[in-house]
Amino acid sequence: MYVSRRCLLFILSLILVFTASGCAYRTPIKIQPPVEPPEKYSIEGGNKPLPDRWWESFGDIHLNALVNECLDANLDLAQAWARLSQAQALTRKTGAAKWPQLGFEASASRSRINIASFPPDTGTERDYIEQYNMGLAASYEIDLWGRINALDEAARLDMRSSRLDMETMAMSLATQVTQAWLSLIEQQAQLALIHSQQSSSRTQLDLVELRFSRGLASALDVFQQRQQLAAIEAQTPLLEAQIAILSHEINVLLARPPGTPLIGIPAALPQPWPLPDAGFPVYLLTRRPDVEASRLRVMAADERVGAAIAERFPRLSLSASSGYSAASLEDLLDQWIWSLAGSISATIFSGNAKNMEVRRTRAVVEERLAAYGTTVLSAVQEVEDALVREHSQREYITRLEKQVDLARHTFTEARQRYATGLSDYLSVLNASQSLQQAEREALSARAGLLSFRIQICRALGGTWTAQLSRTSTRGENL
């Protein structure tokens, strides 16, 4: 009993010495972007708060249904949910090392031996030995240096990063669906405009042919007008193909077959809602899930530095077992045995491998810290670019509308001069082509303004993704 007490005191002394010497072997780094975001944007936004689910600002119930269906059914997002489930399982697996490991074992054996008899002429006798064992065994590693805790915390940070990656994908998908929906409306509106221009060109062709039949116009005038009509008609197949492609894109985003018909697509472009307040660039650190995920990856890498440093120190493990052992099954429960042991293991020489692992993990921290800075700057750039495009596009639309108005007056004047014989038909043809081109450009410009508005909302991030949840086939709420 005296020896057992000395062993126990020895183990406790080692624990106290190692714990005291290892309390401050590493100081966690302070995580901040290598380049601080600016205090404000170079261009101001609007004065209205940014709606969280910004696509609802279009006021279209069919668009809302498309986005919701995409968030429920998209296969890329399903992969992100599965990766999150994997990260959760790995986190629980890593955290299991913080608990004692308990096992059960039962065995039975029978062996034969030969026993020499006396006198020798009688030969040998055969005998059998039986052994039965049953018991529990437990083992536990004391986390003296925080290695197990650091690995567990790193796994938890990776899991949170996976969640934020899923939220980033959800934001991108909502943007893709809305952008494709808007492009589909634009192409349908362009097709309707082309049909209207075709009708006007046919009317103009009828008038030229009538004048030609009366000797008031030349054959050249007729051929020029027919050429213009053919040029307009040639654009129809391309627009129809683009409409079909955009429809396919939306269906695939919703995990539908590409040829599934879409319903409820408006015939005209929606009106833009008020420009939202962009706030301050520092808000992006909390409103952008990709930025937060990048920061958490720096923290996870720093935790693994601690685990690599702790790997260089000795490990202290405790083990215990208790059970029964007997030579016969009837006596098994009458012979109880137990054992308690402690062990210390350390690497004396590893060819500097463990020091190199520490250096590697520290380099990973530097890499991810630089990536964090890049993510922050890219987020600020996206907002800046979207604001610049928004302001420039509005100015462009204003000037383009003036151009359309002037082109319409020019066409009217050219047609009147041609009707009175003051000019040839070429001036009418040129004025008509300029007007039609300006009308198509104005329509594209209005759609571009809405597209830039979508980019502003996407770049500013949001908090709506935090409420996303999905029930897996096992009933776990992720």
Protein backbone atom coordinates (compact mmCIF):
# COMPACT_ATOMS: atom_id res chain seq x y z
CA MET A 1 0.00 0.00 0.00
CA TYR A 2 2.98 2.27 0.70
CA VAL A 3 4.28 1.83 -2.84
CA SER A 4 0.91 2.66 -4.35
CA ARG A 5 0.76 5.87 -2.35
CA ARG A 6 4.21 6.92 -3.52
CA CYS A 7 3.25 6.30 -7.13
CA LEU A 8 0.12 8.37 -6.76
CA LEU A 9 2.04 11.26 -5.21
CA PHE A 10 4.57 11.07 -8.02
CA ILE A 11 1.89 11.33 -10.69
CA LEU A 12 0.21 14.26 -8.95
CA SER A 13 3.53 16.07 -8.66
CA LEU A 14 4.15 15.68 -12.37
CA ILE A 15 0.73 17.10 -13.13
CA LEU A 16 1.34 20.16 -10.98
CA VAL A 17 4.82 20.80 -12.40
CA PHE A 18 3.74 20.45 -16.02
CA THR A 19 0.63 22.54 -15.49
CA ALA A 20 2.54 25.36 -13.82
CA SER A 21 5.25 25.40 -16.48
CA GLY A 22 2.81 25.27 -19.38
CA CYS A 23 0.28 27.95 -18.45
CA ALA A 24 1.69 30.69 -20.68
CA TYR A 25 3.51 28.90 -23.49
CA ARG A 26 1.49 30.72 -26.20
CA THR A 27 -0.35 33.99 -26.53
CA PRO A 28 -3.19 34.06 -29.10
CA ILE A 29 -2.74 36.64 -31.82
CA LYS A 30 -4.98 39.68 -32.17
CA ILE A 31 -6.98 39.18 -35.35
CA GLN A 32 -7.51 42.31 -37.40
CA PRO A 33 -7.29 42.97 -41.16
CA PRO A 34 -3.76 43.77 -42.40
CA VAL A 35 -5.31 46.82 -44.10
CA GLU A 36 -8.00 48.71 -42.19
CA PRO A 37 -11.16 49.55 -44.18
CA PRO A 38 -11.65 53.27 -44.92
CA GLU A 39 -13.79 55.42 -42.68
CA LYS A 40 -16.38 56.02 -45.40
CA TYR A 41 -17.06 55.31 -49.05
CA SER A 42 -15.89 57.71 -51.74
CA ILE A 43 -19.49 58.02 -53.00
CA GLU A 44 -22.47 58.30 -50.69
CA GLY A 45 -25.45 56.01 -50.96
CA GLY A 46 -29.07 56.87 -50.39
CA ASN A 47 -30.90 57.75 -47.20
CA LYS A 48 -33.16 54.71 -46.95
CA PRO A 49 -32.22 51.71 -44.79
CA LEU A 50 -31.16 48.61 -46.66
CA PRO A 51 -33.98 46.04 -46.67
CA ASP A 52 -32.73 42.71 -45.35
CA ARG A 53 -34.46 40.61 -48.01
CA TRP A 54 -33.81 43.25 -50.63
CA TRP A 55 -35.34 41.32 -53.58
CA GLU A 56 -38.76 41.77 -51.97
CA SER A 57 -38.41 45.50 -52.75
CA PHE A 58 -39.39 44.67 -56.35
CA GLY A 59 -42.87 43.89 -55.02
CA ASP A 60 -43.24 40.79 -57.19
CA ILE A 61 -44.67 37.72 -55.49
CA HIS A 62 -43.44 35.44 -58.27
CA LEU A 63 -39.85 36.62 -57.78
CA ASN A 64 -40.17 36.04 -54.03
CA ALA A 65 -41.39 32.52 -54.74
CA LEU A 66 -38.48 31.86 -57.10
CA VAL A 67 -35.89 32.96 -54.55
CA ASN A 68 -37.49 30.96 -51.76
CA GLU A 69 -37.65 27.87 -53.94
CA CYS A 70 -34.00 28.31 -54.88
CA LEU A 71 -32.98 28.52 -51.22
CA ASP A 72 -34.92 25.31 -50.55
CA ALA A 73 -34.01 23.23 -53.60
CA ASN A 74 -30.74 24.44 -55.13
CA LEU A 75 -28.29 21.55 -55.41
CA ASP A 76 -25.17 23.65 -54.86
CA LEU A 77 -26.68 24.89 -51.63
CA ALA A 78 -27.54 21.29 -50.72
CA GLN A 79 -23.83 20.50 -51.07
CA ALA A 80 -23.00 23.39 -48.75
CA TRP A 81 -25.46 22.04 -46.17
CA ALA A 82 -23.81 18.62 -46.47
CA ARG A 83 -20.37 20.16 -45.93
CA LEU A 84 -21.71 21.87 -42.84
CA SER A 85 -23.02 18.53 -41.58
CA GLN A 86 -19.57 17.03 -42.14
CA ALA A 87 -17.95 19.87 -40.21
CA GLN A 88 -20.37 19.35 -37.32
CA ALA A 89 -19.55 15.65 -37.22
CA LEU A 90 -15.82 16.37 -37.28
CA THR A 91 -16.25 18.85 -34.45
CA ARG A 92 -17.99 16.27 -32.29
CA LYS A 93 -15.39 13.68 -33.22
CA THR A 94 -12.53 16.01 -32.25
CA GLY A 95 -14.25 17.00 -29.01
CA ALA A 96 -14.61 13.35 -28.02
CA ALA A 97 -10.88 13.33 -27.13
CA LYS A 98 -11.66 15.56 -24.13
CA TRP A 99 -13.60 12.73 -22.49
CA PRO A 100 -12.41 9.42 -21.03
CA GLN A 101 -12.55 6.43 -23.34
CA LEU A 102 -14.40 3.43 -21.90
CA GLY A 103 -14.37 -0.04 -23.39
CA PHE A 104 -15.74 -3.49 -22.62
CA GLU A 105 -14.00 -6.76 -23.26
CA ALA A 106 -14.90 -10.40 -22.72
CA SER A 107 -12.81 -13.40 -23.70
CA ALA A 108 -12.68 -17.14 -23.24
CA SER A 109 -9.78 -19.47 -24.06
CA ARG A 110 -8.93 -23.14 -23.78
CA SER A 111 -5.45 -24.60 -24.34
CA ARG A 112 -4.03 -28.13 -24.20
CA ILE A 113 -0.77 -29.19 -22.59
CA ASN A 114 1.03 -32.54 -22.40
CA ILE A 115 2.18 -33.73 -18.96
CA ALA A 116 4.85 -36.45 -18.77
CA SER A 117 3.78 -39.43 -16.61
CA PHE A 118 5.83 -41.58 -14.28
CA PRO A 119 6.88 -44.25 -14.87
CA PRO A 120 7.72 -43.34 -18.47
CA ASP A 121 6.32 -46.48 -20.03
CA THR A 122 2.80 -45.32 -19.35
CA GLY A 123 3.17 -42.49 -21.95
CA THR A 124 1.80 -38.95 -21.44
CA GLU A 125 -1.38 -37.53 -20.07
CA ARG A 126 -3.28 -34.75 -21.73
CA ASP A 127 -4.75 -31.81 -19.76
CA TYR A 128 -6.62 -28.63 -20.66
CA ILE A 129 -6.40 -25.08 -19.22
CA GLU A 130 -9.40 -22.75 -19.46
CA GLN A 131 -9.43 -18.98 -18.84
CA TYR A 132 -12.39 -16.58 -18.78
CA ASN A 133 -12.10 -12.78 -18.61
CA MET A 134 -14.65 -9.97 -18.56
CA GLY A 135 -14.17 -6.34 -17.64
CA LEU A 136 -14.12 -2.62 -18.39
CA ALA A 137 -11.12 -0.55 -19.37
CA ALA A 138 -10.88 3.25 -19.27
CA SER A 139 -8.19 5.64 -20.51
CA TYR A 140 -7.87 9.38 -20.31
CA GLU A 141 -5.25 11.85 -21.52
CA ILE A 142 -4.80 14.85 -19.25
CA ASP A 143 -4.69 17.93 -21.47
CA LEU A 144 -1.74 19.56 -19.71
CA TRP A 145 -0.76 21.92 -22.51
CA GLY A 146 -4.17 22.56 -24.07
CA ARG A 147 -3.47 20.51 -27.21
CA ILE A 148 -6.79 18.71 -27.19
CA ASN A 149 -8.69 21.87 -26.31
CA ALA A 150 -6.94 23.79 -29.11
CA LEU A 151 -7.83 21.14 -31.69
CA ASP A 152 -11.42 21.12 -30.43
CA GLU A 153 -11.67 24.91 -30.67
CA ALA A 154 -10.14 24.87 -34.16
CA ALA A 155 -12.74 22.32 -35.28
CA ARG A 156 -15.52 24.48 -33.84
CA LEU A 157 -14.22 27.52 -35.71
CA ASP A 158 -14.05 25.48 -38.92
CA MET A 159 -17.66 24.45 -38.36
CA ARG A 160 -18.73 28.07 -37.96
CA SER A 161 -16.78 28.94 -41.12
CA SER A 162 -18.66 26.21 -42.99
CA ARG A 163 -21.94 27.69 -41.81
CA LEU A 164 -20.88 31.12 -43.06
CA ASP A 165 -19.75 29.64 -46.38
CA MET A 166 -23.25 28.24 -46.76
CA GLU A 167 -24.73 31.66 -45.98
CA THR A 168 -22.43 33.30 -48.53
CA MET A 169 -23.63 30.85 -51.16
CA ALA A 170 -27.25 31.56 -50.22
CA MET A 171 -26.67 35.29 -50.76
CA SER A 172 -25.06 34.62 -54.13
CA LEU A 173 -27.90 32.36 -55.21
CA ALA A 174 -30.53 34.94 -54.29
CA THR A 175 -28.59 37.44 -56.39
CA GLN A 176 -28.26 35.04 -59.33
CA VAL A 177 -31.97 34.25 -59.37
CA THR A 178 -32.95 37.91 -59.17
CA GLN A 179 -30.41 38.92 -61.81
CA ALA A 180 -31.56 36.17 -64.20
CA TRP A 181 -35.19 37.14 -63.56
CA LEU A 182 -34.39 40.78 -64.38
CA SER A 183 -32.42 39.82 -67.52
CA LEU A 184 -35.33 37.67 -68.66
CA ILE A 185 -37.71 40.62 -68.30
CA GLU A 186 -35.29 42.84 -70.21
CA GLN A 187 -34.94 40.37 -73.09
CA GLN A 188 -38.70 39.92 -73.32
CA ALA A 189 -39.12 43.70 -73.32
CA GLN A 190 -36.45 43.98 -76.02
CA LEU A 191 -38.31 41.40 -78.08
CA ALA A 192 -41.56 43.35 -77.69
CA LEU A 193 -39.73 46.53 -78.73
CA ILE A 194 -38.30 44.77 -81.79
CA HIS A 195 -41.78 43.64 -82.79
CA SER A 196 -43.02 47.21 -82.42
CA GLN A 197 -40.16 48.50 -84.56
CA GLN A 198 -40.85 45.81 -87.14
CA SER A 199 -44.46 46.97 -87.34
CA SER A 200 -43.36 50.58 -87.84
CA SER A 201 -40.84 49.55 -90.51
CA ARG A 202 -43.48 47.54 -92.39
CA THR A 203 -45.81 50.55 -92.33
CA GLN A 204 -42.99 52.71 -93.64
CA LEU A 205 -42.26 50.12 -96.35
CA ASP A 206 -45.89 50.17 -97.46
CA LEU A 207 -45.74 53.94 -97.84
CA VAL A 208 -42.51 53.81 -99.84
CA GLU A 209 -43.89 51.10 -102.13
CA LEU A 210 -47.04 53.17 -102.65
CA ARG A 211 -44.96 56.21 -103.61
CA PHE A 212 -42.89 53.99 -105.89
CA SER A 213 -46.05 52.76 -107.67
CA ARG A 214 -46.99 56.39 -108.31
CA GLY A 215 -43.55 57.31 -109.54
CA LEU A 216 -42.76 59.44 -106.45
CA ALA A 217 -39.99 57.17 -105.08
CA SER A 218 -37.15 55.21 -106.60
CA ALA A 219 -36.48 51.50 -106.47
CA LEU A 220 -33.45 52.33 -104.31
CA ASP A 221 -35.76 53.73 -101.64
CA VAL A 222 -37.77 50.51 -101.62
CA PHE A 223 -34.68 48.30 -101.36
CA GLN A 224 -33.21 50.42 -98.55
CA GLN A 225 -36.40 50.19 -96.50
CA ARG A 226 -36.62 46.44 -97.10
CA GLN A 227 -33.00 46.10 -95.96
CA GLN A 228 -33.76 47.97 -92.75
CA LEU A 229 -36.78 45.74 -92.05
CA ALA A 230 -34.70 42.61 -92.68
CA ALA A 231 -32.02 43.86 -90.27
CA ILE A 232 -34.61 44.30 -87.52
CA GLU A 233 -36.20 40.92 -88.18
CA ALA A 234 -32.77 39.25 -87.98
CA GLN A 235 -32.50 40.15 -84.29
CA THR A 236 -35.62 38.20 -83.32
CA PRO A 237 -34.07 34.69 -83.24
CA LEU A 238 -31.17 35.86 -81.07
CA LEU A 239 -33.52 37.42 -78.53
CA GLU A 240 -35.73 34.34 -78.47
CA ALA A 241 -32.65 32.16 -77.88
CA GLN A 242 -31.49 34.40 -75.03
CA ILE A 243 -34.94 34.25 -73.43
CA ALA A 244 -34.82 30.46 -73.55
CA ILE A 245 -31.29 30.36 -72.10
CA LEU A 246 -32.23 32.64 -69.20
CA SER A 247 -35.28 30.49 -68.52
CA HIS A 248 -33.01 27.43 -68.44
CA GLU A 249 -30.65 29.19 -66.02
CA ILE A 250 -33.45 30.00 -63.58
CA ASN A 251 -34.82 26.46 -63.71
CA VAL A 252 -31.41 24.91 -63.03
CA LEU A 253 -30.91 27.26 -60.08
CA LEU A 254 -34.22 25.95 -58.76
CA ALA A 255 -33.18 22.31 -59.40
CA ARG A 256 -35.80 21.93 -62.13
CA PRO A 257 -35.38 20.51 -65.63
CA PRO A 258 -34.23 23.36 -67.92
CA GLY A 259 -37.31 23.25 -70.13
CA THR A 260 -39.83 23.79 -67.33
CA PRO A 261 -42.11 26.75 -68.22
CA LEU A 262 -41.84 29.85 -66.02
CA ILE A 263 -44.98 31.74 -65.06
CA GLY A 264 -45.56 35.21 -63.76
CA ILE A 265 -42.65 36.94 -65.54
CA PRO A 266 -43.61 40.64 -65.93
CA ALA A 267 -43.77 42.15 -69.39
CA ALA A 268 -42.11 45.43 -68.39
CA LEU A 269 -39.14 46.34 -66.24
CA PRO A 270 -39.97 47.14 -62.58
CA GLN A 271 -39.31 50.55 -61.14
CA PRO A 272 -36.15 50.89 -59.03
CA TRP A 273 -36.68 51.32 -55.32
CA PRO A 274 -34.84 54.10 -53.44
CA LEU A 275 -31.08 53.78 -53.25
CA PRO A 276 -30.20 52.26 -49.84
CA ASP A 277 -27.89 53.78 -47.30
CA ALA A 278 -24.46 52.16 -47.67
CA GLY A 279 -23.45 52.92 -44.10
CA PHE A 280 -19.76 52.66 -43.21
CA PRO A 281 -17.23 50.18 -44.62
CA VAL A 282 -16.57 48.76 -41.15
CA TYR A 283 -20.14 47.39 -41.14
CA LEU A 284 -19.06 44.87 -43.77
CA LEU A 285 -17.02 43.02 -41.13
CA THR A 286 -20.25 41.82 -39.54
CA ARG A 287 -22.75 41.99 -42.42
CA ARG A 288 -20.74 39.93 -44.90
CA PRO A 289 -20.59 36.21 -44.04
CA ASP A 290 -17.61 35.68 -46.34
CA VAL A 291 -15.62 38.29 -44.39
CA GLU A 292 -16.53 36.74 -41.04
CA ALA A 293 -15.71 33.24 -42.32
CA SER A 294 -12.27 34.44 -43.40
CA ARG A 295 -11.64 35.87 -39.91
CA LEU A 296 -12.69 32.62 -38.23
CA ARG A 297 -10.26 30.68 -40.42
CA VAL A 298 -7.43 32.84 -39.09
CA MET A 299 -8.53 32.00 -35.55
CA ALA A 300 -8.72 28.28 -36.35
CA ALA A 301 -5.22 28.34 -37.82
CA ASP A 302 -3.93 30.10 -34.69
CA GLU A 303 -5.49 27.41 -32.49
CA ARG A 304 -3.64 24.77 -34.48
CA VAL A 305 -0.39 26.62 -33.79
CA GLY A 306 -1.09 26.06 -30.10
CA ALA A 307 -1.78 22.38 -30.72
CA ALA A 308 1.49 22.04 -32.65
CA ILE A 309 3.45 23.69 -29.83
CA ALA A 310 1.79 21.45 -27.24
CA GLU A 311 2.72 18.40 -29.33
CA ARG A 312 6.37 19.01 -28.43
CA PHE A 313 5.72 18.49 -24.70
CA PRO A 314 5.21 15.21 -22.83
CA ARG A 315 1.79 13.60 -22.63
CA LEU A 316 0.31 12.29 -19.41
CA SER A 317 -2.25 9.51 -19.65
CA LEU A 318 -4.20 7.63 -17.03
CA SER A 319 -5.68 4.19 -17.48
CA ALA A 320 -7.80 1.97 -15.29
CA SER A 321 -9.39 -1.41 -15.68
CA SER A 322 -11.69 -3.54 -13.61
CA GLY A 323 -13.23 -6.91 -14.20
CA TYR A 324 -13.28 -10.59 -13.51
CA SER A 325 -10.92 -13.41 -14.39
CA ALA A 326 -11.20 -17.09 -13.54
CA ALA A 327 -10.28 -20.53 -14.77
CA SER A 328 -13.89 -21.65 -14.89
CA LEU A 329 -17.06 -19.95 -15.98
CA GLU A 330 -18.73 -20.78 -12.66
CA ASP A 331 -16.06 -18.88 -10.68
CA LEU A 332 -15.88 -15.85 -13.01
CA LEU A 333 -17.93 -13.43 -10.90
CA ASP A 334 -16.10 -14.45 -7.70
CA GLN A 335 -12.63 -13.28 -8.76
CA TRP A 336 -12.55 -9.50 -9.22
CA ILE A 337 -9.38 -7.75 -10.38
CA TRP A 338 -8.50 -4.12 -11.00
CA SER A 339 -5.58 -1.97 -12.09
CA LEU A 340 -4.71 1.75 -12.16
CA ALA A 341 -1.78 3.17 -14.12
CA GLY A 342 -0.34 6.45 -15.23
CA SER A 343 2.09 7.00 -18.09
CA ILE A 344 4.17 9.86 -19.43
CA SER A 345 5.32 9.81 -23.05
CA ALA A 346 7.57 12.26 -24.84
CA THR A 347 9.53 12.35 -28.08
CA ILE A 348 13.25 12.68 -27.46
CA PHE A 349 14.34 12.95 -31.09
CA SER A 350 12.17 13.46 -34.18
CA GLY A 351 14.56 15.00 -36.66
CA ASN A 352 13.15 18.47 -35.84
CA ALA A 353 9.79 17.38 -37.30
CA LYS A 354 7.69 18.88 -34.52
CA ASN A 355 9.44 22.22 -34.68
CA MET A 356 8.86 22.30 -38.41
CA GLU A 357 5.17 21.58 -37.82
CA VAL A 358 5.00 24.63 -35.55
CA ARG A 359 6.66 26.72 -38.25
CA ARG A 360 4.22 25.38 -40.86
CA THR A 361 1.14 26.19 -38.77
CA ARG A 362 2.43 29.70 -38.12
CA ALA A 363 2.89 30.18 -41.86
CA VAL A 364 -0.73 29.04 -42.35
CA VAL A 365 -1.80 31.80 -39.94
CA GLU A 366 0.11 34.37 -41.98
CA GLU A 367 -1.46 33.07 -45.19
CA ARG A 368 -5.00 33.20 -43.84
CA LEU A 369 -4.45 36.61 -42.29
CA ALA A 370 -3.43 37.95 -45.70
CA ALA A 371 -6.48 36.22 -47.23
CA TYR A 372 -8.64 37.90 -44.59
CA GLY A 373 -7.27 41.29 -45.61
CA THR A 374 -7.93 40.53 -49.27
CA THR A 375 -11.52 39.52 -48.49
CA VAL A 376 -12.13 42.76 -46.58
CA LEU A 377 -10.68 44.92 -49.36
CA SER A 378 -12.65 43.01 -52.01
CA ALA A 379 -15.86 43.56 -50.06
CA VAL A 380 -15.20 47.30 -49.84
CA GLN A 381 -14.30 47.38 -53.54
CA GLU A 382 -17.56 45.67 -54.48
CA VAL A 383 -19.56 48.36 -52.69
CA GLU A 384 -17.45 51.16 -54.15
CA ASP A 385 -17.75 49.75 -57.69
CA ALA A 386 -21.50 49.29 -57.37
CA LEU A 387 -21.98 52.85 -56.11
CA VAL A 388 -19.87 54.28 -58.94
CA ARG A 389 -21.82 52.29 -61.52
CA GLU A 390 -25.13 53.34 -59.96
CA HIS A 391 -24.33 57.05 -60.14
CA SER A 392 -22.84 56.84 -63.63
CA GLN A 393 -25.76 54.79 -64.92
CA ARG A 394 -28.31 57.30 -63.70
CA GLU A 395 -26.43 60.09 -65.48
CA TYR A 396 -26.18 57.91 -68.58
CA ILE A 397 -29.93 57.25 -68.58
CA THR A 398 -30.68 60.97 -68.29
CA ARG A 399 -28.54 61.77 -71.32
CA LEU A 400 -29.80 58.77 -73.25
CA GLU A 401 -33.42 59.81 -72.75
CA LYS A 402 -32.51 63.20 -74.18
CA GLN A 403 -30.94 61.44 -77.15
CA VAL A 404 -34.09 59.38 -77.73
CA ASP A 405 -36.23 62.50 -77.66
CA LEU A 406 -33.97 64.26 -80.18
CA ALA A 407 -33.88 61.16 -82.41
CA ARG A 408 -37.67 61.05 -82.44
CA HIS A 409 -37.87 64.70 -83.53
CA THR A 410 -35.19 64.13 -86.16
CA PHE A 411 -37.11 61.19 -87.63
CA THR A 412 -40.33 63.21 -87.76
CA GLU A 413 -38.60 66.12 -89.49
CA ALA A 414 -36.79 63.88 -91.98
CA ARG A 415 -39.99 62.12 -92.94
CA GLN A 416 -41.79 65.43 -93.53
CA ARG A 417 -38.95 66.76 -95.72
CA TYR A 418 -38.96 63.54 -97.73
CA ALA A 419 -42.74 63.72 -98.21
CA THR A 420 -42.43 67.27 -99.60
CA GLY A 421 -39.48 66.36 -101.82
CA LEU A 422 -36.94 68.49 -99.94
CA SER A 423 -34.62 65.52 -99.19
CA ASP A 424 -34.00 61.97 -100.33
CA TYR A 425 -35.04 58.82 -98.51
CA LEU A 426 -31.59 58.17 -97.05
CA SER A 427 -32.10 60.86 -94.39
CA VAL A 428 -35.35 59.17 -93.31
CA LEU A 429 -33.62 55.81 -93.18
CA ASN A 430 -30.72 57.09 -91.08
CA ALA A 431 -33.06 58.90 -88.68
CA SER A 432 -35.20 55.78 -88.29
CA GLN A 433 -32.19 53.58 -87.55
CA SER A 434 -30.83 56.06 -84.98
CA LEU A 435 -34.19 56.25 -83.21
CA GLN A 436 -34.62 52.50 -83.05
CA GLN A 437 -31.06 51.98 -81.76
CA ALA A 438 -31.51 54.68 -79.11
CA GLU A 439 -34.77 53.11 -77.92
CA ARG A 440 -33.08 49.72 -77.48
CA GLU A 441 -30.13 51.28 -75.65
CA ALA A 442 -32.45 53.18 -73.31
CA LEU A 443 -34.23 49.95 -72.40
CA SER A 444 -30.92 48.21 -71.69
CA ALA A 445 -29.75 51.17 -69.63
CA ARG A 446 -32.83 51.04 -67.39
CA ALA A 447 -32.25 47.32 -66.86
CA GLY A 448 -28.59 48.04 -66.12
CA LEU A 449 -29.56 50.49 -63.39
CA LEU A 450 -31.65 47.80 -61.69
CA SER A 451 -28.76 45.36 -62.06
CA PHE A 452 -26.37 47.77 -60.35
CA ARG A 453 -28.92 48.30 -57.59
CA ILE A 454 -28.93 44.53 -57.06
CA GLN A 455 -25.14 44.55 -56.90
CA ILE A 456 -25.19 47.26 -54.22
CA CYS A 457 -27.58 45.23 -52.06
CA ARG A 458 -25.52 42.07 -52.53
CA ALA A 459 -22.25 43.85 -51.74
CA LEU A 460 -23.64 45.34 -48.53
CA GLY A 461 -24.49 41.87 -47.21
CA GLY A 462 -27.18 41.28 -44.66
CA THR A 463 -28.32 39.23 -41.69
CA TRP A 464 -31.20 37.27 -43.22
CA THR A 465 -29.05 34.20 -43.84
CA ALA A 466 -28.62 33.65 -40.09
CA GLN A 467 -32.23 32.39 -39.98
CA LEU A 468 -31.66 29.74 -42.66
CA SER A 469 -32.17 26.17 -41.46
CA ARG A 470 -32.57 22.78 -43.02
CA THR A 471 -33.78 19.48 -41.64
CA SER A 472 -31.65 16.58 -42.79
CA THR A 473 -32.86 13.07 -43.49
CA ARG A 474 -31.79 12.06 -40.00
CA GLY A 475 -33.94 14.72 -38.42
CA GLU A 476 -31.06 16.95 -37.31
CA ASN A 477 -31.80 20.66 -37.51
CA LEU A 478 -28.73 22.25 -39.13
